[in-house]
Protein backbone atom coordinates (compact mmCIF):
# COMPACT_ATOMS: atom_id res chain seq x y z
CA MET A 1 4.91 -6.41 -39.42
CA ASN A 2 1.76 -6.23 -37.29
CA GLN A 3 2.74 -7.97 -34.06
CA TYR A 4 1.84 -5.04 -31.78
CA SER A 5 -1.71 -4.64 -33.08
CA GLU A 6 -2.27 -8.41 -33.31
CA LEU A 7 -1.13 -8.90 -29.71
CA LEU A 8 -3.38 -6.06 -28.47
CA SER A 9 -6.37 -7.43 -30.40
CA TYR A 10 -5.74 -10.94 -29.13
CA LEU A 11 -5.48 -9.87 -25.47
CA LYS A 12 -8.61 -7.72 -25.82
CA GLN A 13 -10.46 -10.69 -27.32
CA LEU A 14 -9.44 -12.93 -24.39
CA ALA A 15 -10.64 -10.37 -21.86
CA GLU A 16 -13.96 -9.88 -23.64
CA GLN A 17 -14.56 -13.64 -23.65
CA ASP A 18 -14.13 -13.90 -19.86
CA SER A 19 -17.52 -13.84 -18.11
CA TYR A 20 -16.14 -11.96 -15.09
CA ILE A 21 -14.69 -8.95 -16.97
CA ASN A 22 -17.00 -6.09 -18.00
CA THR A 23 -14.62 -3.46 -19.44
CA THR A 24 -11.32 -3.76 -21.31
CA THR A 25 -8.94 -0.80 -21.61
CA LYS A 26 -5.35 -0.24 -22.68
CA GLY A 27 -2.53 2.02 -21.57
CA GLU A 28 -1.08 3.46 -18.41
CA ASP A 29 -4.04 5.62 -17.34
CA ILE A 30 -6.29 3.03 -15.74
CA ASP A 31 -9.87 4.11 -15.04
CA LEU A 32 -9.82 7.71 -16.19
CA ASN A 33 -13.07 7.04 -18.05
CA LYS A 34 -15.88 7.28 -15.52
CA ALA A 35 -18.13 5.18 -17.79
CA ASN A 36 -16.10 2.03 -17.07
CA ILE A 37 -18.10 -0.86 -15.68
CA PHE A 38 -16.13 -3.04 -13.28
CA PRO A 39 -14.46 -5.51 -13.15
CA LEU A 40 -11.95 -3.91 -15.50
CA PHE A 41 -9.12 -5.53 -17.48
CA ASN A 42 -6.28 -3.27 -18.62
CA ILE A 43 -3.63 -4.13 -21.21
CA ASP A 44 -0.30 -2.30 -21.24
CA ILE A 45 2.57 -3.17 -23.56
CA LEU A 46 5.52 -1.39 -21.97
CA THR A 47 8.64 -2.06 -24.04
CA GLY A 48 9.73 -4.06 -27.03
CA SER A 49 12.88 -5.27 -28.69
CA LEU A 50 13.65 -6.47 -32.19
CA ASN A 51 15.73 -9.61 -32.47
CA ASN A 52 16.80 -11.77 -35.40
CA GLY A 53 13.48 -13.07 -36.66
CA THR A 54 11.44 -12.16 -33.55
CA VAL A 55 10.02 -9.21 -31.67
CA THR A 56 9.75 -9.31 -27.86
CA PHE A 57 7.26 -7.27 -25.82
CA GLN A 58 7.06 -6.67 -22.08
CA VAL A 59 3.35 -6.94 -21.24
CA GLU A 60 1.41 -6.01 -18.11
CA LEU A 61 -2.20 -7.04 -17.59
CA GLN A 62 -4.25 -5.70 -14.71
CA CYS A 63 -7.58 -7.05 -13.55
CA LEU A 64 -9.30 -4.74 -11.05
CA ASP A 65 -12.60 -4.43 -9.22
CA VAL A 66 -14.04 -1.76 -6.94
CA ARG A 67 -13.87 -2.34 -3.21
CA ASP A 68 -17.33 -2.27 -1.69
CA ILE A 69 -17.27 -1.16 1.96
CA ASN A 70 -20.13 -2.44 4.08
CA LYS A 71 -21.80 0.30 6.12
CA GLU A 72 -22.71 -2.12 8.91
CA VAL A 73 -20.27 -2.19 11.81
CA VAL A 74 -18.36 -5.46 11.79
CA ASN A 75 -15.97 -6.20 14.61
CA ASP A 76 -13.99 -8.81 12.72
CA LYS A 77 -10.52 -7.25 12.36
CA PHE A 78 -9.35 -9.99 9.99
CA TRP A 79 -12.10 -9.87 7.32
CA GLU A 80 -13.10 -6.27 8.00
CA GLN A 81 -16.14 -4.65 6.34
CA ASP A 82 -15.42 -5.01 2.65
CA ASN A 83 -15.01 -7.33 -0.31
CA GLU A 84 -11.23 -7.00 -0.66
CA VAL A 85 -10.58 -10.76 -0.41
CA ASP A 86 -13.34 -11.51 -2.94
CA ASN A 87 -11.89 -8.93 -5.33
CA HIS A 88 -8.42 -10.46 -5.08
CA ASN A 89 -9.76 -14.00 -5.54
CA ASN A 90 -11.93 -13.14 -8.55
CA THR A 91 -9.40 -10.93 -10.36
CA LEU A 92 -6.63 -13.51 -9.87
CA ALA A 93 -8.90 -16.25 -11.21
CA ALA A 94 -9.65 -14.16 -14.33
CA LEU A 95 -5.94 -13.53 -14.96
CA ASN A 96 -5.21 -17.22 -14.47
CA ARG A 97 -7.89 -18.23 -17.01
CA ILE A 98 -6.48 -15.76 -19.53
CA TRP A 99 -2.89 -16.89 -18.90
CA ARG A 100 -3.80 -20.56 -19.41
CA THR A 101 -5.60 -19.77 -22.68
CA MET A 102 -2.67 -17.64 -23.87
CA ASN A 103 -0.18 -20.43 -23.20
CA ARG A 104 -2.26 -22.91 -25.20
CA ASP A 105 -2.70 -20.49 -28.11
CA PHE A 106 0.93 -19.36 -28.05
CA ASN A 107 2.17 -22.96 -28.26
CA ASP A 108 -0.07 -23.51 -31.29
CA ASN A 109 1.32 -20.38 -33.03
CA ASN A 110 5.09 -20.66 -32.40
CA ILE A 111 5.02 -17.84 -29.83
CA THR A 112 7.08 -17.91 -26.64
CA ALA A 113 5.93 -16.38 -23.35
CA SER A 114 7.64 -16.19 -19.97
CA ASP A 115 7.40 -19.49 -18.13
CA ASN A 116 6.13 -17.90 -14.94
CA PRO A 117 4.52 -14.47 -15.06
CA THR A 118 5.04 -12.17 -12.10
CA ILE A 119 1.88 -11.18 -10.26
CA THR A 120 1.62 -8.23 -7.91
CA LYS A 121 -1.32 -7.55 -5.63
CA ILE A 122 -3.03 -4.17 -6.00
CA SER A 123 -4.99 -2.76 -3.06
CA PHE A 124 -6.87 0.54 -2.87
CA SER A 125 -5.45 1.73 -6.19
CA ASP A 126 -6.36 5.10 -7.70
CA LYS A 127 -9.33 7.16 -6.52
CA ASN A 128 -11.89 4.39 -6.95
CA LEU A 129 -10.60 2.03 -4.27
CA LEU A 130 -9.56 -0.61 -6.79
CA ASP A 131 -8.32 -4.05 -5.78
CA GLY A 132 -6.86 -6.71 -8.03
CA TRP A 133 -3.69 -8.03 -9.56
CA ASN A 134 -1.04 -6.97 -12.06
CA MET A 135 0.50 -9.75 -14.16
CA ALA A 136 3.78 -9.06 -15.99
CA PHE A 137 5.42 -11.26 -18.60
CA ASP A 138 7.45 -11.16 -21.79
CA VAL A 139 6.17 -12.50 -25.07
CA GLU A 140 8.33 -13.27 -28.10
CA LEU A 141 6.57 -13.35 -31.46
CA PRO A 142 7.86 -14.33 -34.89
CA ASN A 143 8.86 -11.29 -36.94
CA THR A 144 6.50 -12.24 -39.77
CA THR A 145 2.86 -11.65 -40.60
CA LEU A 146 0.87 -12.91 -37.65
CA ASN A 147 -2.79 -13.72 -37.13
CA LEU A 148 -3.74 -14.58 -33.55
CA CYS A 149 -7.08 -12.85 -33.68
CA LYS A 150 -9.86 -15.29 -34.53
CA VAL A 151 -12.34 -12.43 -35.01
CA CYS A 152 -10.18 -10.16 -37.23
C-alpha cells in the first residue's frame, strides 16, 4: 500500500512541470524556508479514510506568489499600487492547469476525484504578503499497488 507517497510524488511532479511554479513544498507550514523562490506550490494531505478496496484523501493545494507593492504613488483606488490581481490570476491559472491534468490522469488510472474542487482566495497571507488560491478536493484511490509517477 503506497497510495500516500504515490499521490505526493505525483502532485509534486505536476507542480514541477508547470512553467509558472518555482518551488514545491508540502505540509501545513507554508514558507518557513526563507530560501523558497516564488511562485510557490504547497501540497497538504489533511485526512484519509480506508474503505472497501479504496483509500480516500482530503487534499489541499496552494499556489502563492509574493505581493509586490509599487513605491510610486498611484491614485487608482481600484487597482491600487501592487500586483495582487496578477498574483490571483496567475496562481489560479496554475491550479487550473494542474487540476485539468490530474483529471485526465485520474480517469486513465481508475482514480476518482471530487467533481468540483473548492477554491478559496488567499490575500496577504503569512509574513511575506502572499497572494494566491487554495484548492481543496477529495481523491479516492484503489487500495492496491499504484504507480502514478512517471518519473519513479
